[in-house]
C-alpha atoms as a PDB file:
ATOM      1  CA  MET A   1      13.409  20.215  -8.932  1.00  0.00           C
ATOM      2  CA  LEU A   2      12.042  23.210  -7.074  1.00  0.00           C
ATOM      3  CA  ARG A   3      14.224  24.661  -4.362  1.00  0.00           C
ATOM      4  CA  GLU A   4      11.386  24.154  -1.876  1.00  0.00           C
ATOM      5  CA  VAL A   5      11.352  20.441  -2.717  1.00  0.00           C
ATOM      6  CA  GLU A   6      15.119  20.142  -2.297  1.00  0.00           C
ATOM      7  CA  HIS A   7      14.783  21.683   1.150  1.00  0.00           C
ATOM      8  CA  TRP A   8      11.823  19.409   1.950  1.00  0.00           C
ATOM      9  CA  LEU A   9      13.773  16.300   0.964  1.00  0.00           C
ATOM     10  CA  LYS A  10      16.475  17.183   3.469  1.00  0.00           C
ATOM     11  CA  ALA A  11      14.103  18.234   6.225  1.00  0.00           C
ATOM     12  CA  ARG A  12      11.214  15.788   5.853  1.00  0.00           C
ATOM     13  CA  SER A  13      12.693  12.548   4.443  1.00  0.00           C
ATOM     14  CA  TRP A  14      13.894  10.151   7.097  1.00  0.00           C
ATOM     15  CA  SER A  15      14.963   6.556   7.658  1.00  0.00           C
ATOM     16  CA  LEU A  16      13.943   4.082  10.328  1.00  0.00           C
ATOM     17  CA  SER A  17      17.156   4.633  12.236  1.00  0.00           C
ATOM     18  CA  ASP A  18      16.326   8.302  12.765  1.00  0.00           C
ATOM     19  CA  ARG A  19      13.692   7.349  15.337  1.00  0.00           C
ATOM     20  CA  PRO A  20      14.490   4.216  17.362  1.00  0.00           C
ATOM     21  CA  LEU A  21      11.512   2.412  18.854  1.00  0.00           C
ATOM     22  CA  GLN A  22      12.418   3.604  22.348  1.00  0.00           C
ATOM     23  CA  GLN A  23      12.169   7.221  21.214  1.00  0.00           C
ATOM     24  CA  VAL A  24       8.831   6.588  19.518  1.00  0.00           C
ATOM     25  CA  MET A  25       7.432   4.915  22.632  1.00  0.00           C
ATOM     26  CA  ALA A  26       8.653   7.745  24.851  1.00  0.00           C
ATOM     27  CA  ALA A  27       6.833  10.211  22.601  1.00  0.00           C
ATOM     28  CA  LYS A  28       3.647   8.138  22.748  1.00  0.00           C
ATOM     29  CA  ARG A  29       3.740   8.089  26.545  1.00  0.00           C
ATOM     30  CA  ALA A  30       4.440  11.814  26.688  1.00  0.00           C
ATOM     31  CA  THR A  31       1.702  12.850  24.256  1.00  0.00           C
ATOM     32  CA  GLY A  32      -0.895  10.205  25.128  1.00  0.00           C
ATOM     33  CA  GLN A  33      -1.851   9.797  21.470  1.00  0.00           C
ATOM     34  CA  SER A  34      -3.526   6.554  20.436  1.00  0.00           C
ATOM     35  CA  VAL A  35      -2.706   4.626  17.255  1.00  0.00           C
ATOM     36  CA  SER A  36      -5.066   2.664  15.017  1.00  0.00           C
ATOM     37  CA  VAL A  37      -3.770   0.372  12.276  1.00  0.00           C
ATOM     38  CA  VAL A  38      -6.190  -0.273   9.418  1.00  0.00           C
ATOM     39  CA  LEU A  39      -5.801  -2.999   6.812  1.00  0.00           C
ATOM     40  CA  PRO A  40      -8.190  -2.717   3.846  1.00  0.00           C
ATOM     41  CA  ALA A  41      -8.635  -6.261   2.561  1.00  0.00           C
ATOM     42  CA  LEU A  42     -10.236  -7.989  -0.395  1.00  0.00           C
ATOM     43  CA  ASN A  43      -9.472 -11.701  -0.773  1.00  0.00           C
ATOM     44  CA  GLU A  44      -6.159 -11.561   1.095  1.00  0.00           C
ATOM     45  CA  GLU A  45      -6.375 -14.723   3.203  1.00  0.00           C
ATOM     46  CA  ALA A  46      -2.846 -15.728   2.121  1.00  0.00           C
ATOM     47  CA  THR A  47      -1.156 -12.664   3.639  1.00  0.00           C
ATOM     48  CA  VAL A  48      -3.423 -10.776   6.049  1.00  0.00           C
ATOM     49  CA  GLY A  49      -2.888 -13.165   8.971  1.00  0.00           C
ATOM     50  CA  ALA A  50       0.894 -12.825   8.967  1.00  0.00           C
ATOM     51  CA  ILE A  51       0.670  -9.019   8.878  1.00  0.00           C
ATOM     52  CA  VAL A  52      -1.737  -8.883  11.819  1.00  0.00           C
ATOM     53  CA  THR A  53       0.357 -11.413  13.738  1.00  0.00           C
ATOM     54  CA  ALA A  54       3.544  -9.371  13.286  1.00  0.00           C
ATOM     55  CA  ILE A  55       1.912  -6.130  14.409  1.00  0.00           C
ATOM     56  CA  ARG A  56       0.316  -7.744  17.467  1.00  0.00           C
ATOM     57  CA  ARG A  57       3.529  -9.507  18.448  1.00  0.00           C
ATOM     58  CA  ASP A  58       5.851  -6.535  18.049  1.00  0.00           C
ATOM     59  CA  LEU A  59       3.699  -3.460  18.632  1.00  0.00           C
ATOM     60  CA  VAL A  60       0.936  -4.613  20.960  1.00  0.00           C
ATOM     61  CA  ARG A  61       2.496  -7.284  23.182  1.00  0.00           C
ATOM     62  CA  ARG A  62       6.209  -6.416  23.208  1.00  0.00           C
ATOM     63  CA  VAL A  63       5.604  -2.677  23.297  1.00  0.00           C
ATOM     64  CA  PRO A  64       2.185  -0.969  23.488  1.00  0.00           C
ATOM     65  CA  LEU A  65       2.553   1.276  20.437  1.00  0.00           C
ATOM     66  CA  VAL A  66      -0.593   0.174  18.590  1.00  0.00           C
ATOM     67  CA  ASP A  67      -3.929   0.480  20.368  1.00  0.00           C
ATOM     68  CA  GLU A  68      -6.141  -1.278  17.814  1.00  0.00           C
ATOM     69  CA  ILE A  69      -5.754  -3.334  14.645  1.00  0.00           C
ATOM     70  CA  VAL A  70      -8.781  -3.235  12.369  1.00  0.00           C
ATOM     71  CA  VAL A  71      -9.191  -5.215   9.161  1.00  0.00           C
ATOM     72  CA  VAL A  72     -11.957  -3.793   6.980  1.00  0.00           C
ATOM     73  CA  ASP A  73     -13.205  -6.536   4.681  1.00  0.00           C
ATOM     74  CA  SER A  74     -14.238  -5.159   1.309  1.00  0.00           C
ATOM     75  CA  GLY A  75     -16.515  -8.079   0.344  1.00  0.00           C
ATOM     76  CA  SER A  76     -14.053 -10.962   0.295  1.00  0.00           C
ATOM     77  CA  THR A  77     -15.195 -14.324  -1.021  1.00  0.00           C
ATOM     78  CA  ASP A  78     -12.339 -16.238   0.612  1.00  0.00           C
ATOM     79  CA  ARG A  79     -11.423 -16.654   4.297  1.00  0.00           C
ATOM     80  CA  THR A  80      -9.882 -13.201   4.736  1.00  0.00           C
ATOM     81  CA  ALA A  81     -12.178 -12.269   7.631  1.00  0.00           C
ATOM     82  CA  GLU A  82     -11.696 -15.569   9.469  1.00  0.00           C
ATOM     83  CA  VAL A  83      -7.908 -15.516   9.093  1.00  0.00           C
ATOM     84  CA  ALA A  84      -7.672 -11.890  10.223  1.00  0.00           C
ATOM     85  CA  ALA A  85      -9.853 -12.498  13.274  1.00  0.00           C
ATOM     86  CA  ALA A  86      -7.897 -15.616  14.222  1.00  0.00           C
ATOM     87  CA  ALA A  87      -4.683 -13.585  14.089  1.00  0.00           C
ATOM     88  CA  GLY A  88      -6.139 -11.083  16.550  1.00  0.00           C
ATOM     89  CA  ALA A  89      -7.542  -8.266  14.460  1.00  0.00           C
ATOM     90  CA  ARG A  90     -10.971  -6.766  14.880  1.00  0.00           C
ATOM     91  CA  VAL A  91     -12.761  -7.368  11.596  1.00  0.00           C
ATOM     92  CA  GLU A  92     -15.291  -4.904  10.276  1.00  0.00           C
ATOM     93  CA  HIS A  93     -17.265  -5.472   7.096  1.00  0.00           C
ATOM     94  CA  ARG A  94     -17.551  -2.600   4.656  1.00  0.00           C
ATOM     95  CA  ASP A  95     -21.294  -3.002   4.101  1.00  0.00           C
ATOM     96  CA  THR A  96     -22.150  -2.781   7.810  1.00  0.00           C
ATOM     97  CA  ILE A  97     -20.315   0.509   8.353  1.00  0.00           C
ATOM     98  CA  LEU A  98     -22.542   3.520   7.723  1.00  0.00           C
ATOM     99  CA  PRO A  99     -25.336   1.350   6.273  1.00  0.00           C
ATOM    100  CA  ARG A 100     -27.354   4.490   5.492  1.00  0.00           C
ATOM    101  CA  ILE A 101     -24.918   5.136   2.638  1.00  0.00           C
ATOM    102  CA  PRO A 102     -24.797   2.195   0.171  1.00  0.00           C
ATOM    103  CA  ALA A 103     -21.235   0.972  -0.216  1.00  0.00           C
ATOM    104  CA  LEU A 104     -19.352   1.285  -3.478  1.00  0.00           C
ATOM    105  CA  PRO A 105     -16.525  -1.002  -4.588  1.00  0.00           C
ATOM    106  CA  GLY A 106     -13.043   0.386  -4.191  1.00  0.00           C
ATOM    107  CA  LYS A 107     -10.128   0.775  -1.816  1.00  0.00           C
ATOM    108  CA  GLY A 108     -10.827   4.420  -1.035  1.00  0.00           C
ATOM    109  CA  GLU A 109     -14.350   3.543   0.043  1.00  0.00           C
ATOM    110  CA  VAL A 110     -12.958   1.154   2.648  1.00  0.00           C
ATOM    111  CA  LEU A 111     -10.403   3.639   3.958  1.00  0.00           C
ATOM    112  CA  TRP A 112     -13.069   6.320   4.270  1.00  0.00           C
ATOM    113  CA  ARG A 113     -15.429   4.041   6.187  1.00  0.00           C
ATOM    114  CA  SER A 114     -12.615   2.902   8.465  1.00  0.00           C
ATOM    115  CA  LEU A 115     -12.678   6.313  10.146  1.00  0.00           C
ATOM    116  CA  MET A 116     -16.117   5.415  11.517  1.00  0.00           C
ATOM    117  CA  VAL A 117     -14.909   2.239  13.230  1.00  0.00           C
ATOM    118  CA  THR A 118     -11.543   3.354  14.606  1.00  0.00           C
ATOM    119  CA  ARG A 119     -10.706   5.623  17.517  1.00  0.00           C
ATOM    120  CA  GLY A 120      -7.008   6.394  17.196  1.00  0.00           C
ATOM    121  CA  ASP A 121      -5.678   9.927  17.143  1.00  0.00           C
ATOM    122  CA  LEU A 122      -3.279   8.608  14.507  1.00  0.00           C
ATOM    123  CA  VAL A 123      -4.484   6.262  11.768  1.00  0.00           C
ATOM    124  CA  CYS A 124      -1.994   4.034   9.988  1.00  0.00           C
ATOM    125  CA  PHE A 125      -3.003   2.315   6.732  1.00  0.00           C
ATOM    126  CA  VAL A 126      -1.261  -0.889   5.638  1.00  0.00           C
ATOM    127  CA  ASP A 127      -2.118  -2.880   2.509  1.00  0.00           C
ATOM    128  CA  ALA A 128      -3.149  -6.455   3.275  1.00  0.00           C
ATOM    129  CA  ASP A 129      -1.262  -8.116   0.396  1.00  0.00           C
ATOM    130  CA  LEU A 130       2.259  -7.509   1.730  1.00  0.00           C
ATOM    131  CA  ARG A 131       4.642 -10.450   1.975  1.00  0.00           C
ATOM    132  CA  GLU A 132       7.679 -10.688   4.273  1.00  0.00           C
ATOM    133  CA  PHE A 133       6.044  -7.945   6.320  1.00  0.00           C
ATOM    134  CA  SER A 134       7.988  -6.127   9.022  1.00  0.00           C
ATOM    135  CA  SER A 135       6.368  -4.141  11.817  1.00  0.00           C
ATOM    136  CA  ASP A 136       9.011  -1.502  11.064  1.00  0.00           C
ATOM    137  CA  PHE A 137       6.582  -0.281   8.406  1.00  0.00           C
ATOM    138  CA  VAL A 138       4.227   0.851  11.161  1.00  0.00           C
ATOM    139  CA  THR A 139       6.897   2.169  13.504  1.00  0.00           C
ATOM    140  CA  GLY A 140       8.543   4.096  10.684  1.00  0.00           C
ATOM    141  CA  ILE A 141       5.484   6.023   9.532  1.00  0.00           C
ATOM    142  CA  VAL A 142       3.893   6.553  12.942  1.00  0.00           C
ATOM    143  CA  GLY A 143       7.120   7.754  14.546  1.00  0.00           C
ATOM    144  CA  PRO A 144       7.253  11.256  13.004  1.00  0.00           C
ATOM    145  CA  LEU A 145       3.621  11.914  13.944  1.00  0.00           C
ATOM    146  CA  LEU A 146       4.330  11.085  17.577  1.00  0.00           C
ATOM    147  CA  THR A 147       7.610  12.975  17.821  1.00  0.00           C
ATOM    148  CA  ASP A 148       6.858  16.063  15.719  1.00  0.00           C
ATOM    149  CA  PRO A 149       3.549  17.916  16.177  1.00  0.00           C
ATOM    150  CA  GLU A 150       4.149  19.817  12.910  1.00  0.00           C
ATOM    151  CA  VAL A 151       3.900  16.623  10.830  1.00  0.00           C
ATOM    152  CA  HIS A 152       0.402  15.561   9.765  1.00  0.00           C
ATOM    153  CA  LEU A 153       0.874  12.826   7.140  1.00  0.00           C
ATOM    154  CA  VAL A 154       3.741  10.392   6.565  1.00  0.00           C
ATOM    155  CA  LYS A 155       4.203   8.122   3.556  1.00  0.00           C
ATOM    156  CA  ALA A 156       6.421   5.046   3.550  1.00  0.00           C
ATOM    157  CA  MET A 157       9.080   4.872   0.839  1.00  0.00           C
ATOM    158  CA  TYR A 158      10.749   1.650  -0.216  1.00  0.00           C
ATOM    159  CA  ASP A 159      12.175  -0.429  -3.034  1.00  0.00           C
ATOM    160  CA  ARG A 160       9.571  -2.366  -5.037  1.00  0.00           C
ATOM    161  CA  PRO A 161      11.179  -5.329  -6.829  1.00  0.00           C
ATOM    162  CA  LEU A 162       9.357  -6.963  -9.737  1.00  0.00           C
ATOM    163  CA  ALA A 163      10.168 -10.556 -10.742  1.00  0.00           C
ATOM    164  CA  GLY A 164      13.446 -10.313  -8.852  1.00  0.00           C
ATOM    165  CA  ALA A 165      14.502  -7.051 -10.500  1.00  0.00           C
ATOM    166  CA  ALA A 166      15.100  -4.210  -8.051  1.00  0.00           C
ATOM    167  CA  GLY A 167      13.226  -0.980  -8.587  1.00  0.00           C
ATOM    168  CA  GLN A 168      10.957  -2.277 -11.341  1.00  0.00           C
ATOM    169  CA  GLY A 169       7.722  -2.289  -9.356  1.00  0.00           C
ATOM    170  CA  GLY A 170       5.468   0.726  -9.135  1.00  0.00           C
ATOM    171  CA  ARG A 171       4.723   0.882 -12.841  1.00  0.00           C
ATOM    172  CA  VAL A 172       1.634   3.069 -12.471  1.00  0.00           C
ATOM    173  CA  THR A 173       3.643   5.395 -10.260  1.00  0.00           C
ATOM    174  CA  GLU A 174       6.305   5.907 -12.900  1.00  0.00           C
ATOM    175  CA  LEU A 175       4.025   6.021 -15.943  1.00  0.00           C
ATOM    176  CA  MET A 176       1.098   7.995 -14.549  1.00  0.00           C
ATOM    177  CA  ALA A 177       1.380   9.414 -11.030  1.00  0.00           C
ATOM    178  CA  ARG A 178       4.900  10.807 -11.097  1.00  0.00           C
ATOM    179  CA  PRO A 179       4.456  12.688 -14.392  1.00  0.00           C
ATOM    180  CA  LEU A 180       1.148  14.121 -13.166  1.00  0.00           C
ATOM    181  CA  LEU A 181       2.628  15.300  -9.889  1.00  0.00           C
ATOM    182  CA  ASN A 182       5.744  16.772 -11.467  1.00  0.00           C
ATOM    183  CA  MET A 183       3.750  18.699 -14.048  1.00  0.00           C
ATOM    184  CA  HIS A 184       0.782  19.848 -11.989  1.00  0.00           C
ATOM    185  CA  TRP A 185       1.835  19.643  -8.323  1.00  0.00           C
ATOM    186  CA  PRO A 186       5.618  20.012  -8.450  1.00  0.00           C
ATOM    187  CA  LEU A 187       5.795  20.547  -4.686  1.00  0.00           C
ATOM    188  CA  LEU A 188       4.954  16.829  -4.370  1.00  0.00           C
ATOM    189  CA  ALA A 189       7.731  15.724  -6.737  1.00  0.00           C
ATOM    190  CA  GLY A 190       9.901  14.608  -3.826  1.00  0.00           C
ATOM    191  CA  PHE A 191       7.677  11.700  -2.800  1.00  0.00           C
ATOM    192  CA  VAL A 192       9.345   8.416  -3.705  1.00  0.00           C
ATOM    193  CA  GLN A 193       6.162   6.338  -3.433  1.00  0.00           C
ATOM    194  CA  PRO A 194       3.214   8.701  -3.870  1.00  0.00           C
ATOM    195  CA  LEU A 195       0.819   5.795  -4.530  1.00  0.00           C
ATOM    196  CA  GLY A 196       2.123   3.558  -1.768  1.00  0.00           C
ATOM    197  CA  GLY A 197      -0.530   2.023   0.455  1.00  0.00           C
ATOM    198  CA  GLU A 198       1.432   2.393   3.683  1.00  0.00           C
ATOM    199  CA  TYR A 199       0.996   5.787   5.296  1.00  0.00           C
ATOM    200  CA  ALA A 200      -0.141   7.317   8.557  1.00  0.00           C
ATOM    201  CA  ALA A 201      -1.917  10.557   9.315  1.00  0.00           C
ATOM    202  CA  ARG A 202      -3.564  12.484  12.073  1.00  0.00           C
ATOM    203  CA  ARG A 203      -7.276  11.840  12.319  1.00  0.00           C
ATOM    204  CA  SER A 204      -7.757  15.592  12.493  1.00  0.00           C
ATOM    205  CA  LEU A 205      -6.454  15.769   8.910  1.00  0.00           C
ATOM    206  CA  LEU A 206      -8.110  12.649   7.494  1.00  0.00           C
ATOM    207  CA  GLU A 207     -11.567  13.632   8.665  1.00  0.00           C
ATOM    208  CA  ARG A 208     -11.316  16.884   6.690  1.00  0.00           C
ATOM    209  CA  LEU A 209     -10.380  15.269   3.371  1.00  0.00           C
ATOM    210  CA  PRO A 210     -12.606  13.885   0.617  1.00  0.00           C
ATOM    211  CA  PHE A 211     -11.866  10.260  -0.318  1.00  0.00           C
ATOM    212  CA  PRO A 212     -11.975   9.050  -3.933  1.00  0.00           C
ATOM    213  CA  VAL A 213     -13.657   5.663  -3.626  1.00  0.00           C
ATOM    214  CA  GLY A 214     -11.205   3.761  -5.841  1.00  0.00           C
ATOM    215  CA  TYR A 215      -7.522   3.585  -6.725  1.00  0.00           C
ATOM    216  CA  GLY A 216      -7.217   7.359  -6.920  1.00  0.00           C
ATOM    217  CA  VAL A 217      -7.398   7.661  -3.140  1.00  0.00           C
ATOM    218  CA  GLU A 218      -3.644   7.888  -2.515  1.00  0.00           C
ATOM    219  CA  LEU A 219      -2.997  10.573  -5.118  1.00  0.00           C
ATOM    220  CA  GLY A 220      -6.111  12.497  -4.120  1.00  0.00           C
ATOM    221  CA  MET A 221      -5.192  12.379  -0.456  1.00  0.00           C
ATOM    222  CA  LEU A 222      -1.653  13.603  -1.111  1.00  0.00           C
ATOM    223  CA  VAL A 223      -2.804  16.522  -3.260  1.00  0.00           C
ATOM    224  CA  ASP A 224      -5.599  17.486  -0.871  1.00  0.00           C
ATOM    225  CA  ALA A 225      -3.296  17.242   2.151  1.00  0.00           C
ATOM    226  CA  LEU A 226      -0.831  19.565   0.427  1.00  0.00           C
ATOM    227  CA  HIS A 227      -3.547  22.178  -0.013  1.00  0.00           C
ATOM    228  CA  THR A 228      -4.940  21.634   3.495  1.00  0.00           C
ATOM    229  CA  VAL A 229      -1.829  21.604   5.693  1.00  0.00           C
ATOM    230  CA  GLY A 230       1.074  22.508   3.379  1.00  0.00           C
ATOM    231  CA  LEU A 231       4.211  20.715   2.240  1.00  0.00           C
ATOM    232  CA  ASP A 232       6.119  21.014   5.519  1.00  0.00           C
ATOM    233  CA  ALA A 233       3.370  19.026   7.267  1.00  0.00           C
ATOM    234  CA  LEU A 234       4.035  16.069   4.948  1.00  0.00           C
ATOM    235  CA  ALA A 235       6.911  13.620   5.268  1.00  0.00           C
ATOM    236  CA  GLN A 236       8.257  10.239   4.164  1.00  0.00           C
ATOM    237  CA  VAL A 237      10.286   7.487   5.825  1.00  0.00           C
ATOM    238  CA  ASP A 238      12.460   4.830   4.186  1.00  0.00           C
ATOM    239  CA  VAL A 239      11.308   1.437   5.492  1.00  0.00           C
ATOM    240  CA  GLY A 240      13.360  -0.793   3.191  1.00  0.00           C
ATOM    241  CA  VAL A 241      11.756  -3.176   0.715  1.00  0.00           C
ATOM    242  CA  ARG A 242       8.102  -3.852  -0.054  1.00  0.00           C
ATOM    243  CA  HIS A 243       7.059  -7.267  -1.381  1.00  0.00           C
ATOM    244  CA  HIS A 244       3.496  -7.719  -2.552  1.00  0.00           C
ATOM    245  CA  ARG A 245       1.274  -9.214  -5.224  1.00  0.00           C
ATOM    246  CA  HIS A 246       1.656  -7.462  -8.574  1.00  0.00           C
ATOM    247  CA  GLN A 247      -1.269  -6.681 -10.845  1.00  0.00           C
ATOM    248  CA  ASP A 248      -1.416  -7.606 -14.523  1.00  0.00           C
ATOM    249  CA  GLY A 249      -1.163  -4.978 -17.234  1.00  0.00           C
ATOM    250  CA  GLN A 250      -4.879  -4.508 -17.725  1.00  0.00           C
ATOM    251  CA  ALA A 251      -5.532  -4.047 -14.025  1.00  0.00           C
ATOM    252  CA  LEU A 252      -2.777  -1.443 -14.011  1.00  0.00           C
ATOM    253  CA  GLY A 253      -4.498   0.311 -16.897  1.00  0.00           C
ATOM    254  CA  ARG A 254      -7.709   0.572 -14.919  1.00  0.00           C
ATOM    255  CA  MET A 255      -5.764   1.842 -11.940  1.00  0.00           C
ATOM    256  CA  ALA A 256      -4.059   4.473 -14.079  1.00  0.00           C
ATOM    257  CA  ALA A 257      -7.401   5.632 -15.491  1.00  0.00           C
ATOM    258  CA  ALA A 258      -8.817   6.128 -11.988  1.00  0.00           C
ATOM    259  CA  ILE A 259      -5.722   8.058 -10.928  1.00  0.00           C
ATOM    260  CA  TYR A 260      -5.890  10.275 -13.990  1.00  0.00           C
ATOM    261  CA  ARG A 261      -9.547  10.997 -13.288  1.00  0.00           C
ATOM    262  CA  THR A 262      -8.717  11.912  -9.689  1.00  0.00           C
ATOM    263  CA  ALA A 263      -6.048  14.307 -10.919  1.00  0.00           C
ATOM    264  CA  GLN A 264      -8.399  15.784 -13.506  1.00  0.00           C
ATOM    265  CA  LEU A 265     -10.999  16.615 -10.876  1.00  0.00           C
ATOM    266  CA  ARG A 266      -8.426  18.346  -8.747  1.00  0.00           C
ATOM    267  CA  LEU A 267      -7.080  20.318 -11.661  1.00  0.00           C
ATOM    268  CA  ALA A 268     -10.351  21.713 -12.856  1.00  0.00           C
ATOM    269  CA  ARG A 269     -13.198  20.058 -10.987  1.00  0.00           C
ATOM    270  CA  GLY A 270     -14.284  19.383 -14.537  1.00  0.00           C
ATOM    271  CA  HIS A 271     -16.831  16.985 -15.985  1.00  0.00           C
ATOM    272  CA  LEU A 272     -15.727  13.685 -17.488  1.00  0.00           C
ATOM    273  CA  LEU A 273     -17.391  13.216 -20.853  1.00  0.00           C
ATOM    274  CA  ARG A 274     -16.902   9.466 -20.749  1.00  0.00           C
ATOM    275  CA  PRO A 275     -15.763   7.981 -17.433  1.00  0.00           C
ATOM    276  CA  ALA A 276     -14.930   4.566 -18.897  1.00  0.00           C
ATOM    277  CA  LEU A 277     -11.886   2.668 -20.116  1.00  0.00           C
ATOM    278  CA  THR A 278     -11.936   0.169 -22.981  1.00  0.00           C
ATOM    279  CA  GLN A 279      -9.240  -2.522 -22.992  1.00  0.00           C
ATOM    280  CA  PHE A 280      -8.634  -5.425 -25.362  1.00  0.00           C
ATOM    281  CA  GLU A 281      -8.069  -9.140 -24.907  1.00  0.00           C
ATOM    282  CA  ARG A 282      -7.443 -11.691 -27.613  1.00  0.00           C
ATOM    283  CA  GLY A 283     -10.356 -14.103 -27.959  1.00  0.00           C
ATOM    284  CA  PRO A 284     -11.443 -16.786 -30.438  1.00  0.00           C
ATOM    285  CA  GLN A 285     -12.491 -14.108 -32.944  1.00  0.00           C
ATOM    286  CA  GLY A 286      -9.486 -11.836 -32.464  1.00  0.00           C
ATOM    287  CA  PHE A 287      -9.145  -8.894 -30.114  1.00  0.00           C
ATOM    288  CA  GLU A 288     -12.277  -8.347 -28.070  1.00  0.00           C
ATOM    289  CA  PRO A 289     -13.082  -5.029 -26.362  1.00  0.00           C
ATOM    290  CA  HIS A 290     -13.953  -4.937 -22.668  1.00  0.00           C
ATOM    291  CA  THR A 291     -15.147  -1.648 -21.240  1.00  0.00           C
ATOM    292  CA  HIS A 292     -14.805  -0.899 -17.549  1.00  0.00           C
ATOM    293  CA  PRO A 293     -16.259   2.037 -15.614  1.00  0.00           C
ATOM    294  CA  VAL A 294     -13.745   4.432 -14.099  1.00  0.00           C
ATOM    295  CA  ASP A 295     -14.369   5.342 -10.467  1.00  0.00           C
ATOM    296  CA  THR A 296     -16.257   8.623 -10.520  1.00  0.00           C
ATOM    297  CA  GLU A 297     -17.440   8.908  -6.947  1.00  0.00           C
ATOM    298  CA  GLU A 298     -15.797  10.610  -4.010  1.00  0.00           C
ATOM    299  CA  ARG A 299     -16.863  10.508  -0.403  1.00  0.00           C
ATOM    300  CA  PRO A 300     -17.119  13.852   1.410  1.00  0.00           C
ATOM    301  CA  PRO A 301     -14.950  14.750   4.399  1.00  0.00           C
ATOM    302  CA  MET A 302     -16.019  12.603   7.335  1.00  0.00           C
ATOM    303  CA  THR A 303     -16.808  15.713   9.362  1.00  0.00           C
ATOM    304  CA  GLU A 304     -19.823  16.191   7.051  1.00  0.00           C
ATOM    305  CA  ILE A 305     -21.311  12.810   8.041  1.00  0.00           C
ATOM    306  CA  ALA A 306     -23.926  13.068  10.778  1.00  0.00           C
ATOM    307  CA  GLU A 307     -23.130   9.675  12.310  1.00  0.00           C
ATOM    308  CA  TYR A 308     -19.453  10.574  12.655  1.00  0.00           C
ATOM    309  CA  THR A 309     -20.246  13.919  14.251  1.00  0.00           C
ATOM    310  CA  ALA A 310     -22.661  12.219  16.666  1.00  0.00           C
ATOM    311  CA  ARG A 311     -20.016   9.658  17.604  1.00  0.00           C
ATOM    312  CA  ARG A 312     -17.520  12.388  18.421  1.00  0.00           C
ATOM    313  CA  VAL A 313     -20.017  14.162  20.640  1.00  0.00           C
ATOM    314  CA  ALA A 314     -20.797  10.915  22.445  1.00  0.00           C
END
């Protein structure tokens, strides 16, 4: 490990206990910064309501840390929107945000569009499939941004159990993202959960970054933030354990392909000869190929979007 990373781990890796809620709230009052929580959601009616309820109960009613909770529905076919609204979130639909630009499928697309419909100085992203959710996730990753003006982006770190086995989740992280980061961006080797969906950042940073539309968004954002604000402006906080729905092997393969493509673009801004991934499933006639497109689009920094610039002026 690079000496710079060893120093960073000591200086920029924290736990929840390092910033009690009272300290975080005092910093919010002193700085006057507002906080938006965004949940990107696609068919998450089973979990999204409990997450919104916990955040509203603990961080809106008990203490006024969070100023708005926005669920951005990415085209759900279940009751995700209804459940989220009933729990107290403001629900925005992906296709109605920036209608001038046709929406593409993908998590990064939703996160990018969320900047248009939120106002917070700090934006906190939380995946909508978490189970046994604790509002400490939000407090933990927002806290350093409120208390330290030198910090611009904070990732949550946690254990990810799989089928009851500790530390066995995060398979794409271990098989794809971590090797890529260690080999090509070794300054980012200290991040425990580089692909984790729970992180917070200053709007002033997010609006300057491009957003891969799909699963590559977390890796792309981390790499681009490193080049934009430097390693010392990045941090991570241990928030305990993360329970969520796990993807099957083929879905993980598609995720890994998108992440690799995101890394490839940042390494060389090169041209993909064949942005597709073929996988196999056993059918009546033996193994059958199924080819899936790999996300190849990225959204530009939000500061390049006329509607966003007009909103800021207004």
